[in-house]
N, C-alpha and C. Protein backbone atom coordinates (compact mmCIF):
# COMPACT_ATOMS: atom_id res chain seq x y z
N MET A 1 -13.43 4.42 -1.05
CA MET A 1 -11.99 4.43 -1.22
C MET A 1 -11.35 4.91 0.08
N LEU A 2 -10.35 4.19 0.52
CA LEU A 2 -9.58 4.56 1.71
C LEU A 2 -8.34 5.31 1.24
N ILE A 3 -8.04 6.43 1.86
CA ILE A 3 -6.87 7.23 1.48
C ILE A 3 -5.93 7.29 2.67
N LEU A 4 -4.68 6.89 2.44
CA LEU A 4 -3.65 6.86 3.47
C LEU A 4 -2.42 7.63 3.01
N THR A 5 -1.75 8.25 3.96
CA THR A 5 -0.48 8.92 3.68
C THR A 5 0.62 8.08 4.30
N ARG A 6 1.64 7.78 3.52
CA ARG A 6 2.74 6.92 3.95
C ARG A 6 4.08 7.57 3.67
N LYS A 7 5.05 7.30 4.55
CA LYS A 7 6.44 7.71 4.35
C LYS A 7 7.23 6.51 3.82
N VAL A 8 8.45 6.76 3.41
CA VAL A 8 9.33 5.67 2.97
C VAL A 8 9.48 4.67 4.11
N GLY A 9 9.32 3.39 3.78
CA GLY A 9 9.45 2.33 4.77
C GLY A 9 8.14 1.92 5.41
N GLN A 10 7.11 2.74 5.28
CA GLN A 10 5.83 2.40 5.86
C GLN A 10 5.01 1.55 4.90
N GLY A 11 4.15 0.70 5.47
CA GLY A 11 3.43 -0.25 4.64
C GLY A 11 1.93 -0.22 4.83
N ILE A 12 1.28 -0.98 3.96
CA ILE A 12 -0.17 -1.17 3.98
C ILE A 12 -0.41 -2.66 3.73
N VAL A 13 -1.36 -3.24 4.47
CA VAL A 13 -1.72 -4.64 4.27
C VAL A 13 -3.16 -4.67 3.76
N ILE A 14 -3.35 -5.38 2.64
CA ILE A 14 -4.67 -5.49 2.03
C ILE A 14 -5.07 -6.96 2.06
N GLY A 15 -6.18 -7.24 2.73
CA GLY A 15 -6.62 -8.62 2.85
C GLY A 15 -5.64 -9.43 3.68
N ASP A 16 -5.55 -10.71 3.37
CA ASP A 16 -4.67 -11.60 4.14
C ASP A 16 -3.27 -11.73 3.57
N ASP A 17 -3.08 -11.36 2.29
CA ASP A 17 -1.79 -11.70 1.69
C ASP A 17 -1.13 -10.61 0.86
N ILE A 18 -1.72 -9.44 0.73
CA ILE A 18 -1.10 -8.39 -0.08
C ILE A 18 -0.43 -7.38 0.84
N HIS A 19 0.86 -7.20 0.65
CA HIS A 19 1.64 -6.25 1.46
C HIS A 19 2.27 -5.21 0.54
N LEU A 20 2.05 -3.96 0.87
CA LEU A 20 2.65 -2.85 0.12
C LEU A 20 3.64 -2.14 1.02
N LYS A 21 4.72 -1.66 0.43
CA LYS A 21 5.67 -0.86 1.20
C LYS A 21 6.20 0.25 0.30
N VAL A 22 6.20 1.47 0.82
CA VAL A 22 6.75 2.60 0.08
C VAL A 22 8.27 2.50 0.14
N LYS A 23 8.90 2.39 -1.02
CA LYS A 23 10.35 2.20 -1.09
C LYS A 23 11.10 3.50 -1.32
N ARG A 24 10.52 4.38 -2.15
CA ARG A 24 11.21 5.64 -2.45
C ARG A 24 10.18 6.67 -2.90
N ILE A 25 10.43 7.91 -2.53
CA ILE A 25 9.57 9.02 -2.95
C ILE A 25 10.45 10.07 -3.60
N GLY A 26 10.10 10.41 -4.84
CA GLY A 26 10.83 11.44 -5.58
C GLY A 26 9.99 12.68 -5.74
N ARG A 27 10.41 13.57 -6.63
CA ARG A 27 9.69 14.83 -6.83
C ARG A 27 8.23 14.62 -7.22
N ASN A 28 7.99 13.75 -8.15
CA ASN A 28 6.61 13.56 -8.60
C ASN A 28 6.26 12.09 -8.81
N ARG A 29 6.97 11.20 -8.13
CA ARG A 29 6.68 9.78 -8.27
C ARG A 29 7.02 9.02 -7.00
N VAL A 30 6.39 7.88 -6.86
CA VAL A 30 6.63 7.03 -5.69
C VAL A 30 6.89 5.60 -6.17
N LYS A 31 7.84 4.94 -5.54
CA LYS A 31 8.15 3.54 -5.84
C LYS A 31 7.55 2.69 -4.73
N ILE A 32 6.71 1.73 -5.12
CA ILE A 32 6.00 0.89 -4.16
C ILE A 32 6.38 -0.57 -4.39
N GLY A 33 6.73 -1.25 -3.31
CA GLY A 33 6.94 -2.69 -3.37
C GLY A 33 5.61 -3.38 -3.08
N ILE A 34 5.23 -4.30 -3.94
CA ILE A 34 3.96 -5.00 -3.79
C ILE A 34 4.26 -6.49 -3.69
N GLU A 35 3.88 -7.08 -2.56
CA GLU A 35 4.12 -8.51 -2.34
C GLU A 35 2.78 -9.24 -2.33
N VAL A 36 2.61 -10.13 -3.30
CA VAL A 36 1.42 -10.98 -3.40
C VAL A 36 1.94 -12.41 -3.54
N PRO A 37 2.28 -13.05 -2.42
CA PRO A 37 2.94 -14.36 -2.48
C PRO A 37 2.18 -15.42 -3.27
N SER A 38 0.86 -15.41 -3.20
CA SER A 38 0.09 -16.46 -3.86
C SER A 38 0.08 -16.31 -5.38
N GLU A 39 0.52 -15.17 -5.90
CA GLU A 39 0.44 -14.96 -7.34
C GLU A 39 1.79 -14.69 -7.99
N VAL A 40 2.41 -13.56 -7.68
CA VAL A 40 3.60 -13.17 -8.44
C VAL A 40 4.83 -12.88 -7.59
N GLY A 41 4.76 -13.06 -6.29
CA GLY A 41 5.89 -12.70 -5.45
C GLY A 41 5.91 -11.20 -5.22
N THR A 42 7.10 -10.61 -5.19
CA THR A 42 7.22 -9.17 -4.95
C THR A 42 7.57 -8.44 -6.24
N ARG A 43 6.89 -7.35 -6.48
CA ARG A 43 7.15 -6.47 -7.63
C ARG A 43 7.38 -5.07 -7.11
N PHE A 44 8.19 -4.31 -7.82
CA PHE A 44 8.43 -2.91 -7.49
C PHE A 44 7.96 -2.07 -8.66
N LEU A 45 7.02 -1.18 -8.39
CA LEU A 45 6.45 -0.34 -9.43
C LEU A 45 6.58 1.12 -9.04
N THR A 46 6.85 1.97 -10.01
CA THR A 46 6.94 3.41 -9.79
C THR A 46 5.76 4.07 -10.49
N ARG A 47 5.08 4.95 -9.78
CA ARG A 47 3.94 5.64 -10.35
C ARG A 47 4.00 7.13 -10.04
N LYS A 48 3.54 7.92 -11.01
CA LYS A 48 3.41 9.36 -10.84
C LYS A 48 2.05 9.66 -10.21
N VAL A 49 1.88 10.90 -9.79
CA VAL A 49 0.59 11.35 -9.25
C VAL A 49 -0.49 11.14 -10.30
N ASP A 50 -1.66 10.73 -9.85
CA ASP A 50 -2.85 10.45 -10.67
C ASP A 50 -2.75 9.16 -11.48
N ARG A 51 -1.75 8.35 -11.23
CA ARG A 51 -1.62 7.06 -11.91
C ARG A 51 -2.12 5.95 -10.98
N THR A 52 -2.57 4.84 -11.58
CA THR A 52 -3.18 3.75 -10.84
C THR A 52 -2.43 2.45 -11.05
N ILE A 53 -2.44 1.61 -10.02
CA ILE A 53 -1.92 0.25 -10.08
C ILE A 53 -3.10 -0.67 -9.80
N VAL A 54 -3.29 -1.69 -10.63
CA VAL A 54 -4.37 -2.65 -10.43
C VAL A 54 -3.75 -3.94 -9.89
N ILE A 55 -4.25 -4.38 -8.74
CA ILE A 55 -3.83 -5.65 -8.14
C ILE A 55 -5.05 -6.55 -8.19
N ARG A 56 -4.93 -7.63 -8.88
CA ARG A 56 -6.09 -8.47 -9.17
C ARG A 56 -7.11 -7.61 -9.91
N ASP A 57 -8.32 -8.06 -10.03
CA ASP A 57 -9.31 -7.27 -10.77
C ASP A 57 -10.06 -6.29 -9.88
N ASP A 58 -10.04 -6.53 -8.58
CA ASP A 58 -10.91 -5.76 -7.70
C ASP A 58 -10.19 -4.83 -6.72
N ILE A 59 -8.87 -4.71 -6.84
CA ILE A 59 -8.11 -3.83 -5.93
C ILE A 59 -7.31 -2.85 -6.77
N HIS A 60 -7.53 -1.56 -6.52
CA HIS A 60 -6.86 -0.51 -7.27
C HIS A 60 -6.17 0.44 -6.30
N LEU A 61 -4.94 0.83 -6.62
CA LEU A 61 -4.18 1.82 -5.85
C LEU A 61 -3.99 3.04 -6.73
N LYS A 62 -4.19 4.21 -6.17
CA LYS A 62 -3.99 5.44 -6.94
C LYS A 62 -3.12 6.39 -6.12
N VAL A 63 -2.11 6.95 -6.76
CA VAL A 63 -1.25 7.94 -6.11
C VAL A 63 -1.94 9.29 -6.27
N PHE A 64 -2.35 9.88 -5.14
CA PHE A 64 -3.07 11.15 -5.17
C PHE A 64 -2.14 12.35 -5.06
N LYS A 65 -1.16 12.25 -4.16
CA LYS A 65 -0.33 13.42 -3.89
C LYS A 65 1.02 12.97 -3.37
N ILE A 66 2.04 13.74 -3.73
CA ILE A 66 3.38 13.55 -3.16
C ILE A 66 3.79 14.89 -2.60
N SER A 67 4.13 14.90 -1.33
CA SER A 67 4.50 16.14 -0.66
C SER A 67 5.69 15.85 0.26
N GLY A 68 6.85 16.36 -0.10
CA GLY A 68 8.05 16.12 0.71
C GLY A 68 8.36 14.64 0.76
N ASN A 69 8.36 14.08 1.98
CA ASN A 69 8.70 12.67 2.14
C ASN A 69 7.46 11.80 2.36
N ARG A 70 6.29 12.29 1.91
CA ARG A 70 5.04 11.55 2.08
C ARG A 70 4.31 11.37 0.76
N ALA A 71 3.71 10.20 0.60
CA ALA A 71 2.87 9.93 -0.57
C ALA A 71 1.47 9.61 -0.07
N THR A 72 0.48 10.19 -0.71
CA THR A 72 -0.91 9.92 -0.38
C THR A 72 -1.46 8.95 -1.41
N ILE A 73 -1.91 7.79 -0.92
CA ILE A 73 -2.33 6.69 -1.78
C ILE A 73 -3.77 6.33 -1.46
N GLY A 74 -4.58 6.18 -2.50
CA GLY A 74 -5.96 5.73 -2.34
C GLY A 74 -6.05 4.25 -2.66
N ILE A 75 -6.80 3.52 -1.84
CA ILE A 75 -6.98 2.09 -2.04
C ILE A 75 -8.47 1.82 -2.22
N GLU A 76 -8.81 1.24 -3.35
CA GLU A 76 -10.19 0.85 -3.61
C GLU A 76 -10.24 -0.67 -3.64
N ALA A 77 -11.03 -1.23 -2.72
CA ALA A 77 -11.14 -2.68 -2.59
C ALA A 77 -12.58 -3.02 -2.20
N PRO A 78 -12.98 -4.26 -2.41
CA PRO A 78 -14.33 -4.66 -1.98
C PRO A 78 -14.49 -4.47 -0.47
N PRO A 79 -15.72 -4.22 0.00
CA PRO A 79 -15.94 -3.95 1.42
C PRO A 79 -15.51 -5.08 2.35
N GLU A 80 -15.51 -6.31 1.87
CA GLU A 80 -15.13 -7.43 2.73
C GLU A 80 -13.62 -7.59 2.88
N VAL A 81 -12.83 -6.83 2.11
CA VAL A 81 -11.37 -6.90 2.18
C VAL A 81 -10.85 -5.88 3.19
N LYS A 82 -10.16 -6.38 4.20
CA LYS A 82 -9.61 -5.51 5.25
C LYS A 82 -8.36 -4.80 4.73
N VAL A 83 -8.27 -3.49 4.98
CA VAL A 83 -7.10 -2.69 4.61
C VAL A 83 -6.58 -2.04 5.88
N LEU A 84 -5.32 -2.31 6.24
CA LEU A 84 -4.72 -1.77 7.46
C LEU A 84 -3.36 -1.16 7.20
N ARG A 85 -3.06 -0.13 7.96
CA ARG A 85 -1.67 0.34 7.96
C ARG A 85 -0.83 -0.74 8.62
N GLN A 86 0.37 -0.94 8.12
CA GLN A 86 1.25 -2.01 8.61
C GLN A 86 1.45 -1.93 10.13
N GLU A 87 1.63 -0.74 10.66
CA GLU A 87 1.90 -0.62 12.09
C GLU A 87 0.70 -1.04 12.94
N LEU A 88 -0.52 -0.87 12.42
CA LEU A 88 -1.70 -1.32 13.16
C LEU A 88 -1.77 -2.84 13.19
N LEU A 89 -1.41 -3.48 12.10
CA LEU A 89 -1.40 -4.94 12.06
C LEU A 89 -0.35 -5.47 13.03
N GLU A 90 0.82 -4.86 13.07
CA GLU A 90 1.88 -5.29 13.99
C GLU A 90 1.43 -5.11 15.43
N ARG A 91 0.76 -4.00 15.72
CA ARG A 91 0.27 -3.74 17.07
C ARG A 91 -0.80 -4.78 17.44
N GLN A 92 -1.69 -5.08 16.50
CA GLN A 92 -2.73 -6.07 16.71
C GLN A 92 -2.13 -7.46 16.95
N ASP A 93 -1.13 -7.82 16.16
CA ASP A 93 -0.45 -9.11 16.33
C ASP A 93 0.23 -9.18 17.69
N GLY A 94 0.82 -8.08 18.15
CA GLY A 94 1.48 -8.05 19.45
C GLY A 94 0.50 -8.28 20.59
N LYS A 95 -0.68 -7.74 20.50
CA LYS A 95 -1.71 -7.92 21.53
C LYS A 95 -2.19 -9.37 21.57
N GLU A 96 -2.31 -10.01 20.41
CA GLU A 96 -2.78 -11.37 20.33
C GLU A 96 -1.75 -12.34 20.93
N LYS A 97 -0.47 -12.01 20.86
CA LYS A 97 0.58 -12.90 21.39
C LYS A 97 0.69 -12.82 22.90
N LYS A 98 0.20 -11.72 23.51
CA LYS A 98 0.32 -11.56 24.97
C LYS A 98 -0.64 -12.42 25.72
């Protein structure tokens, strides 16, 4: 399981087509936008700490901790599925264009 801490507006990319973005963080819950274009488009889900979101059958997101303006999210996916912070993907794309 990969564990990442994200602020509002920061994202995670899972595989080639799943994009997550933290939309809002409250006292004990986080609202996440999940974009899966090939299946359902964009959904917005709110989860409390220790709650899980299942994306497809093999990808699970779990909210571990909320502290101030940060949410700690665990991502469980098959080993062949690449999981990147959004800013790393953007940096990687920028290098490829040069």
